[in-house]
C-alpha atoms as a PDB file:
ATOM      1  CA  MET A   1    -100.953 -19.714-121.599  1.00  0.00           C
ATOM      2  CA  LEU A   2     -99.203 -22.293-119.251  1.00  0.00           C
ATOM      3  CA  ALA A   3     -95.754 -20.682-119.879  1.00  0.00           C
ATOM      4  CA  ASP A   4     -97.080 -17.572-118.479  1.00  0.00           C
ATOM      5  CA  ARG A   5     -98.252 -18.998-115.575  1.00  0.00           C
ATOM      6  CA  ILE A   6     -95.825 -21.203-114.784  1.00  0.00           C
ATOM      7  CA  ARG A   7     -93.438 -17.829-114.686  1.00  0.00           C
ATOM      8  CA  SER A   8     -96.231 -16.779-112.393  1.00  0.00           C
ATOM      9  CA  ARG A   9     -95.428 -18.972-109.667  1.00  0.00           C
ATOM     10  CA  VAL A  10     -92.022 -18.906-109.573  1.00  0.00           C
ATOM     11  CA  ILE A  11     -89.120 -17.147-108.467  1.00  0.00           C
ATOM     12  CA  PRO A  12     -85.658 -16.717-109.991  1.00  0.00           C
ATOM     13  CA  SER A  13     -82.993 -19.764-110.861  1.00  0.00           C
ATOM     14  CA  ALA A  14     -80.354 -19.825-108.740  1.00  0.00           C
ATOM     15  CA  ALA A  15     -77.063 -18.437-109.673  1.00  0.00           C
ATOM     16  CA  ALA A  16     -75.160 -21.921-109.464  1.00  0.00           C
ATOM     17  CA  ASP A  17     -77.009 -25.075-109.227  1.00  0.00           C
ATOM     18  CA  PRO A  18     -75.275 -26.957-106.148  1.00  0.00           C
ATOM     19  CA  TYR A  19     -75.360 -30.474-107.875  1.00  0.00           C
ATOM     20  CA  PHE A  20     -73.644 -29.454-111.405  1.00  0.00           C
ATOM     21  CA  SER A  21     -71.031 -31.901-111.010  1.00  0.00           C
ATOM     22  CA  ASN A  22     -73.674 -34.639-111.187  1.00  0.00           C
ATOM     23  CA  VAL A  23     -75.028 -33.447-114.334  1.00  0.00           C
ATOM     24  CA  SER A  24     -75.204 -36.394-117.162  1.00  0.00           C
ATOM     25  CA  LEU A  25     -76.589 -34.287-119.909  1.00  0.00           C
ATOM     26  CA  LEU A  26     -78.274 -30.562-120.092  1.00  0.00           C
ATOM     27  CA  PHE A  27     -79.644 -29.080-123.151  1.00  0.00           C
ATOM     28  CA  HIS A  28     -81.119 -25.864-123.976  1.00  0.00           C
ATOM     29  CA  GLY A  29     -82.177 -26.320-127.306  1.00  0.00           C
ATOM     30  CA  ASP A  30     -80.613 -22.430-128.076  1.00  0.00           C
ATOM     31  CA  GLU A  31     -78.566 -23.159-131.582  1.00  0.00           C
ATOM     32  CA  ALA A  32     -79.710 -21.596-134.179  1.00  0.00           C
ATOM     33  CA  ASP A  33     -82.664 -22.465-136.496  1.00  0.00           C
ATOM     34  CA  GLY A  34     -82.054 -26.096-138.417  1.00  0.00           C
ATOM     35  CA  SER A  35     -78.490 -27.282-136.511  1.00  0.00           C
ATOM     36  CA  SER A  36     -77.655 -30.098-136.685  1.00  0.00           C
ATOM     37  CA  THR A  37     -76.447 -31.040-133.395  1.00  0.00           C
ATOM     38  CA  VAL A  38     -77.569 -29.690-129.510  1.00  0.00           C
ATOM     39  CA  VAL A  39     -74.800 -28.782-127.335  1.00  0.00           C
ATOM     40  CA  ASP A  40     -74.957 -30.439-124.406  1.00  0.00           C
ATOM     41  CA  SER A  41     -74.143 -27.660-121.797  1.00  0.00           C
ATOM     42  CA  GLY A  42     -73.075 -29.911-118.849  1.00  0.00           C
ATOM     43  CA  PRO A  43     -69.636 -31.294-117.348  1.00  0.00           C
ATOM     44  CA  LEU A  44     -69.695 -33.879-119.499  1.00  0.00           C
ATOM     45  CA  ALA A  45     -70.128 -32.263-122.756  1.00  0.00           C
ATOM     46  CA  ASN A  46     -71.901 -35.057-124.578  1.00  0.00           C
ATOM     47  CA  SER A  47     -71.795 -35.190-128.307  1.00  0.00           C
ATOM     48  CA  SER A  48     -75.515 -35.251-129.546  1.00  0.00           C
ATOM     49  CA  THR A  49     -76.809 -35.693-133.778  1.00  0.00           C
ATOM     50  CA  TYR A  50     -79.672 -35.016-134.999  1.00  0.00           C
ATOM     51  CA  SER A  51     -81.996 -37.219-137.380  1.00  0.00           C
ATOM     52  CA  GLY A  52     -84.610 -35.166-139.268  1.00  0.00           C
ATOM     53  CA  ALA A  53     -84.978 -33.516-136.491  1.00  0.00           C
ATOM     54  CA  THR A  54     -83.822 -29.998-136.158  1.00  0.00           C
ATOM     55  CA  THR A  55     -83.696 -26.592-133.566  1.00  0.00           C
ATOM     56  CA  THR A  56     -86.047 -23.802-134.145  1.00  0.00           C
ATOM     57  CA  THR A  57     -86.051 -20.085-132.174  1.00  0.00           C
ATOM     58  CA  ALA A  58     -89.621 -19.999-133.234  1.00  0.00           C
ATOM     59  CA  VAL A  59     -91.308 -21.965-130.353  1.00  0.00           C
ATOM     60  CA  LYS A  60     -89.607 -22.427-127.012  1.00  0.00           C
ATOM     61  CA  LEU A  61     -90.058 -22.068-122.922  1.00  0.00           C
ATOM     62  CA  PHE A  62     -86.656 -20.424-122.078  1.00  0.00           C
ATOM     63  CA  GLY A  63     -83.759 -19.492-123.687  1.00  0.00           C
ATOM     64  CA  THR A  64     -83.859 -18.620-127.527  1.00  0.00           C
ATOM     65  CA  GLY A  65     -85.019 -21.695-128.631  1.00  0.00           C
ATOM     66  CA  SER A  66     -85.894 -25.142-128.455  1.00  0.00           C
ATOM     67  CA  ILE A  67     -85.053 -29.034-129.841  1.00  0.00           C
ATOM     68  CA  PHE A  68     -87.873 -29.898-132.475  1.00  0.00           C
ATOM     69  CA  GLN A  69     -89.494 -33.506-133.323  1.00  0.00           C
ATOM     70  CA  THR A  70     -91.022 -33.717-136.550  1.00  0.00           C
ATOM     71  CA  GLY A  71     -92.344 -37.089-135.911  1.00  0.00           C
ATOM     72  CA  THR A  72     -90.481 -38.928-138.151  1.00  0.00           C
ATOM     73  CA  SER A  73     -87.107 -37.478-136.569  1.00  0.00           C
ATOM     74  CA  TYR A  74     -85.272 -37.767-133.112  1.00  0.00           C
ATOM     75  CA  LEU A  75     -82.060 -36.711-131.203  1.00  0.00           C
ATOM     76  CA  SER A  76     -79.637 -39.178-129.951  1.00  0.00           C
ATOM     77  CA  VAL A  77     -76.690 -38.917-127.467  1.00  0.00           C
ATOM     78  CA  PRO A  78     -74.150 -41.714-127.419  1.00  0.00           C
ATOM     79  CA  SER A  79     -74.045 -44.127-124.692  1.00  0.00           C
ATOM     80  CA  SER A  80     -72.890 -43.479-121.144  1.00  0.00           C
ATOM     81  CA  THR A  81     -72.459 -44.459-117.867  1.00  0.00           C
ATOM     82  CA  ALA A  82     -73.447 -40.961-117.055  1.00  0.00           C
ATOM     83  CA  PHE A  83     -76.941 -42.612-117.887  1.00  0.00           C
ATOM     84  CA  ASP A  84     -76.575 -45.867-116.012  1.00  0.00           C
ATOM     85  CA  PHE A  85     -78.404 -45.574-112.335  1.00  0.00           C
ATOM     86  CA  GLY A  86     -78.575 -48.761-111.017  1.00  0.00           C
ATOM     87  CA  SER A  87     -80.117 -48.862-107.806  1.00  0.00           C
ATOM     88  CA  GLY A  88     -79.283 -45.038-107.550  1.00  0.00           C
ATOM     89  CA  ASN A  89     -80.880 -42.212-107.321  1.00  0.00           C
ATOM     90  CA  PHE A  90     -81.504 -39.872-110.306  1.00  0.00           C
ATOM     91  CA  THR A  91     -82.855 -37.422-111.766  1.00  0.00           C
ATOM     92  CA  ILE A  92     -84.486 -36.390-114.927  1.00  0.00           C
ATOM     93  CA  GLU A  93     -86.379 -32.888-116.069  1.00  0.00           C
ATOM     94  CA  LEU A  94     -87.520 -31.514-119.440  1.00  0.00           C
ATOM     95  CA  ALA A  95     -90.039 -29.357-120.714  1.00  0.00           C
ATOM     96  CA  VAL A  96     -92.511 -31.209-123.581  1.00  0.00           C
ATOM     97  CA  ASN A  97     -94.987 -29.237-125.901  1.00  0.00           C
ATOM     98  CA  ILE A  98     -96.850 -31.936-127.489  1.00  0.00           C
ATOM     99  CA  ASN A  99     -97.670 -31.614-131.312  1.00  0.00           C
ATOM    100  CA  SER A 100     -99.573 -34.752-131.294  1.00  0.00           C
ATOM    101  CA  VAL A 101    -101.918 -36.224-128.595  1.00  0.00           C
ATOM    102  CA  THR A 102    -102.890 -39.290-130.443  1.00  0.00           C
ATOM    103  CA  GLY A 103    -100.995 -42.417-130.353  1.00  0.00           C
ATOM    104  CA  ASN A 104     -98.362 -44.208-128.641  1.00  0.00           C
ATOM    105  CA  ARG A 105     -94.986 -42.436-128.807  1.00  0.00           C
ATOM    106  CA  ASN A 106     -91.625 -42.265-127.049  1.00  0.00           C
ATOM    107  CA  ILE A 107     -90.382 -39.275-125.496  1.00  0.00           C
ATOM    108  CA  LEU A 108     -87.191 -40.258-124.067  1.00  0.00           C
ATOM    109  CA  GLY A 109     -85.420 -43.722-123.722  1.00  0.00           C
ATOM    110  CA  LYS A 110     -81.878 -45.897-123.696  1.00  0.00           C
ATOM    111  CA  TYR A 111     -82.825 -48.033-126.439  1.00  0.00           C
ATOM    112  CA  GLU A 112     -82.029 -48.764-129.970  1.00  0.00           C
ATOM    113  CA  THR A 113     -81.791 -52.920-130.562  1.00  0.00           C
ATOM    114  CA  SER A 114     -82.835 -54.091-127.026  1.00  0.00           C
ATOM    115  CA  ALA A 115     -86.337 -54.977-126.434  1.00  0.00           C
ATOM    116  CA  THR A 116     -87.025 -52.524-123.025  1.00  0.00           C
ATOM    117  CA  ALA A 117     -84.654 -49.483-121.774  1.00  0.00           C
ATOM    118  CA  PRO A 118     -83.544 -49.015-118.457  1.00  0.00           C
ATOM    119  CA  PHE A 119     -85.858 -46.005-118.234  1.00  0.00           C
ATOM    120  CA  VAL A 120     -88.650 -44.812-121.004  1.00  0.00           C
ATOM    121  CA  ILE A 121     -90.623 -41.425-120.394  1.00  0.00           C
ATOM    122  CA  TYR A 122     -93.496 -42.403-122.576  1.00  0.00           C
ATOM    123  CA  GLN A 123     -96.793 -40.860-124.490  1.00  0.00           C
ATOM    124  CA  ILE A 124    -100.030 -42.691-125.055  1.00  0.00           C
ATOM    125  CA  GLY A 125    -102.725 -39.994-126.410  1.00  0.00           C
ATOM    126  CA  THR A 126    -103.048 -37.802-123.865  1.00  0.00           C
ATOM    127  CA  GLN A 127    -101.204 -39.016-120.790  1.00  0.00           C
ATOM    128  CA  ILE A 128     -97.363 -39.099-119.872  1.00  0.00           C
ATOM    129  CA  GLY A 129     -95.708 -41.826-118.056  1.00  0.00           C
ATOM    130  CA  PHE A 130     -91.957 -43.259-116.483  1.00  0.00           C
ATOM    131  CA  TYR A 131     -91.421 -46.899-116.904  1.00  0.00           C
ATOM    132  CA  ALA A 132     -88.417 -48.652-116.027  1.00  0.00           C
ATOM    133  CA  SER A 133     -86.541 -52.254-115.889  1.00  0.00           C
ATOM    134  CA  SER A 134     -84.504 -54.464-114.486  1.00  0.00           C
ATOM    135  CA  ASN A 135     -84.566 -57.385-116.743  1.00  0.00           C
ATOM    136  CA  GLY A 136     -83.876 -56.043-119.928  1.00  0.00           C
ATOM    137  CA  THR A 137     -87.217 -57.224-121.917  1.00  0.00           C
ATOM    138  CA  GLY A 138     -90.070 -55.998-119.545  1.00  0.00           C
ATOM    139  CA  TRP A 139     -91.035 -52.976-117.562  1.00  0.00           C
ATOM    140  CA  ASP A 140     -91.162 -54.845-114.238  1.00  0.00           C
ATOM    141  CA  LEU A 141     -90.165 -51.892-112.158  1.00  0.00           C
ATOM    142  CA  LEU A 142     -92.690 -49.813-113.362  1.00  0.00           C
ATOM    143  CA  SER A 143     -95.061 -49.867-115.788  1.00  0.00           C
ATOM    144  CA  ASN A 144     -96.394 -46.192-116.364  1.00  0.00           C
ATOM    145  CA  LEU A 145     -96.068 -44.328-113.274  1.00  0.00           C
ATOM    146  CA  THR A 146     -98.069 -41.377-114.329  1.00  0.00           C
ATOM    147  CA  PHE A 147     -97.585 -37.728-115.097  1.00  0.00           C
ATOM    148  CA  GLY A 148    -100.964 -36.929-115.989  1.00  0.00           C
ATOM    149  CA  SER A 149    -104.081 -38.038-118.032  1.00  0.00           C
ATOM    150  CA  SER A 150    -105.056 -34.656-119.304  1.00  0.00           C
ATOM    151  CA  PHE A 151    -101.843 -33.123-121.679  1.00  0.00           C
ATOM    152  CA  ALA A 152    -102.912 -31.013-124.036  1.00  0.00           C
ATOM    153  CA  ALA A 153    -101.330 -29.754-127.625  1.00  0.00           C
ATOM    154  CA  ALA A 154     -99.715 -26.728-128.004  1.00  0.00           C
ATOM    155  CA  THR A 155     -98.612 -26.192-124.376  1.00  0.00           C
ATOM    156  CA  TRP A 156     -96.040 -26.377-122.135  1.00  0.00           C
ATOM    157  CA  TYR A 157     -95.691 -28.387-119.560  1.00  0.00           C
ATOM    158  CA  LEU A 158     -92.457 -29.046-116.958  1.00  0.00           C
ATOM    159  CA  LEU A 159     -91.987 -33.121-116.073  1.00  0.00           C
ATOM    160  CA  ALA A 160     -89.780 -33.951-113.217  1.00  0.00           C
ATOM    161  CA  VAL A 161     -88.932 -38.036-112.481  1.00  0.00           C
ATOM    162  CA  THR A 162     -87.240 -39.051-109.627  1.00  0.00           C
ATOM    163  CA  ARG A 163     -85.554 -41.819-107.390  1.00  0.00           C
ATOM    164  CA  THR A 164     -85.104 -41.877-104.001  1.00  0.00           C
ATOM    165  CA  GLY A 165     -84.185 -44.779-102.381  1.00  0.00           C
ATOM    166  CA  ASN A 166     -86.626 -46.911-103.593  1.00  0.00           C
ATOM    167  CA  VAL A 167     -89.212 -44.388-104.033  1.00  0.00           C
ATOM    168  CA  TYR A 168     -89.730 -43.118-107.241  1.00  0.00           C
ATOM    169  CA  ARG A 169     -92.193 -40.076-107.900  1.00  0.00           C
ATOM    170  CA  THR A 170     -92.840 -37.957-110.636  1.00  0.00           C
ATOM    171  CA  PHE A 171     -93.596 -34.061-111.041  1.00  0.00           C
ATOM    172  CA  LEU A 172     -95.577 -32.053-113.375  1.00  0.00           C
ATOM    173  CA  ASN A 173     -95.462 -28.287-113.517  1.00  0.00           C
ATOM    174  CA  GLY A 174     -93.204 -28.840-109.802  1.00  0.00           C
ATOM    175  CA  THR A 175     -96.361 -30.668-108.457  1.00  0.00           C
ATOM    176  CA  LEU A 176     -96.081 -34.358-107.111  1.00  0.00           C
ATOM    177  CA  VAL A 177     -98.232 -36.751-109.431  1.00  0.00           C
ATOM    178  CA  SER A 178     -97.102 -40.127-108.649  1.00  0.00           C
ATOM    179  CA  THR A 179     -95.565 -41.919-106.314  1.00  0.00           C
ATOM    180  CA  ALA A 180     -94.223 -46.121-105.975  1.00  0.00           C
ATOM    181  CA  THR A 181     -92.112 -47.472-103.598  1.00  0.00           C
ATOM    182  CA  VAL A 182     -90.106 -50.146-106.139  1.00  0.00           C
ATOM    183  CA  SER A 183     -86.702 -52.090-104.952  1.00  0.00           C
ATOM    184  CA  GLY A 184     -84.397 -53.381-108.215  1.00  0.00           C
ATOM    185  CA  THR A 185     -81.591 -51.895-110.105  1.00  0.00           C
ATOM    186  CA  LEU A 186     -82.368 -50.623-113.695  1.00  0.00           C
ATOM    187  CA  VAL A 187     -80.690 -52.604-115.788  1.00  0.00           C
ATOM    188  CA  SER A 188     -77.862 -51.462-117.831  1.00  0.00           C
ATOM    189  CA  ASN A 189     -76.649 -51.531-121.757  1.00  0.00           C
ATOM    190  CA  SER A 190     -74.748 -49.898-124.161  1.00  0.00           C
ATOM    191  CA  GLU A 191     -77.952 -48.429-126.501  1.00  0.00           C
ATOM    192  CA  PRO A 192     -77.930 -44.414-127.220  1.00  0.00           C
ATOM    193  CA  LEU A 193     -80.030 -42.679-125.284  1.00  0.00           C
ATOM    194  CA  PHE A 194     -82.876 -41.154-127.736  1.00  0.00           C
ATOM    195  CA  PHE A 195     -85.073 -38.594-127.197  1.00  0.00           C
ATOM    196  CA  GLY A 196     -87.691 -38.365-129.968  1.00  0.00           C
ATOM    197  CA  ARG A 197     -87.967 -42.321-130.483  1.00  0.00           C
ATOM    198  CA  GLY A 198     -87.806 -45.963-129.052  1.00  0.00           C
ATOM    199  CA  ASN A 199     -85.788 -48.965-130.459  1.00  0.00           C
ATOM    200  CA  ASN A 200     -86.029 -49.786-134.073  1.00  0.00           C
ATOM    201  CA  THR A 201     -88.638 -52.621-133.468  1.00  0.00           C
ATOM    202  CA  ALA A 202     -90.803 -49.711-132.351  1.00  0.00           C
ATOM    203  CA  PRO A 203     -89.597 -46.751-132.874  1.00  0.00           C
ATOM    204  CA  GLY A 204     -92.761 -44.354-131.815  1.00  0.00           C
ATOM    205  CA  TYR A 205     -91.419 -41.248-133.103  1.00  0.00           C
ATOM    206  CA  TRP A 206     -92.569 -38.226-130.571  1.00  0.00           C
ATOM    207  CA  THR A 207     -93.551 -35.070-132.390  1.00  0.00           C
ATOM    208  CA  GLY A 208     -93.590 -31.618-130.229  1.00  0.00           C
ATOM    209  CA  TRP A 209     -90.873 -29.606-128.644  1.00  0.00           C
ATOM    210  CA  MET A 210     -88.315 -29.937-126.368  1.00  0.00           C
ATOM    211  CA  ASP A 211     -86.792 -27.519-123.945  1.00  0.00           C
ATOM    212  CA  GLU A 212     -84.420 -27.472-120.736  1.00  0.00           C
ATOM    213  CA  ILE A 213     -83.563 -30.788-120.826  1.00  0.00           C
ATOM    214  CA  ARG A 214     -81.427 -31.936-117.166  1.00  0.00           C
ATOM    215  CA  ILE A 215     -80.833 -35.591-115.767  1.00  0.00           C
ATOM    216  CA  THR A 216     -78.280 -35.914-113.164  1.00  0.00           C
ATOM    217  CA  LYS A 217     -77.369 -38.696-111.419  1.00  0.00           C
ATOM    218  CA  GLY A 218     -76.783 -40.167-108.267  1.00  0.00           C
ATOM    219  CA  ILE A 219     -78.729 -36.618-107.352  1.00  0.00           C
ATOM    220  CA  SER A 220     -82.690 -36.853-106.253  1.00  0.00           C
ATOM    221  CA  ARG A 221     -83.445 -33.325-106.477  1.00  0.00           C
ATOM    222  CA  TYR A 222     -87.026 -33.314-105.783  1.00  0.00           C
ATOM    223  CA  THR A 223     -89.221 -35.157-103.020  1.00  0.00           C
ATOM    224  CA  ALA A 224     -91.929 -32.898-102.956  1.00  0.00           C
ATOM    225  CA  ASN A 225     -93.854 -30.386-104.859  1.00  0.00           C
ATOM    226  CA  TYR A 226     -91.426 -27.780-105.499  1.00  0.00           C
ATOM    227  CA  THR A 227     -90.968 -24.292-107.371  1.00  0.00           C
ATOM    228  CA  THR A 228     -89.852 -24.415-110.719  1.00  0.00           C
ATOM    229  CA  GLN A 229     -87.114 -22.724-112.348  1.00  0.00           C
ATOM    230  CA  SER A 230     -88.093 -19.528-113.860  1.00  0.00           C
ATOM    231  CA  GLY A 231     -85.611 -19.565-117.109  1.00  0.00           C
ATOM    232  CA  PRO A 232     -82.630 -21.763-118.341  1.00  0.00           C
ATOM    233  CA  PHE A 233     -80.828 -24.084-115.562  1.00  0.00           C
ATOM    234  CA  PRO A 234     -77.187 -23.143-114.439  1.00  0.00           C
ATOM    235  CA  ASN A 235     -74.446 -23.540-116.372  1.00  0.00           C
ATOM    236  CA  TYR A 236     -72.463 -24.223-113.360  1.00  0.00           C
END
């Protein structure tokens, strides 16, 4: 299994995260089966709400559980300036286990009524890409900066996207996949941060499991191939 191969090539996670004070969100998904919320273990302790989704202990990569999206459900976090990256550095990381590799589906995005989000991680069939907007009406900065095009169902993958100055990078299981140099400021909005859906017009519900979600503002954690974690991200 990929999870076993991931563990075989990693070293133990550091005892502490040197950038923990910059963490905007940290979800482990280790709540009991059927929990209606997910605890944010980061310094901001953001609230979260499920709509039809649930946590499960049956499928997970690390820890005791994961966040399950049914294909008609989602997890939301209220709008916060912690997710407004502007022209600054950032890192978004999460583990995904895809339940369906057909259709167009939103994995992560900060929009509800807006036409376009500041950023989105989006699945199109067996492909996953990162999108970014400076105007809120189109993907003028990035349109499908790919993480890869051969994703399979029932397999865990570790995704990461970073911005360092004007350079965006995507990573799959610690390996650099795509690089793009684009100047511009990510648009800000007052929309929720959604996991598993897009906006009201085209929700594009995602189906699968998510684990170990970490968003870091102001820090680009990776600029080249890196050694992925062997367990949950540290809480301090």
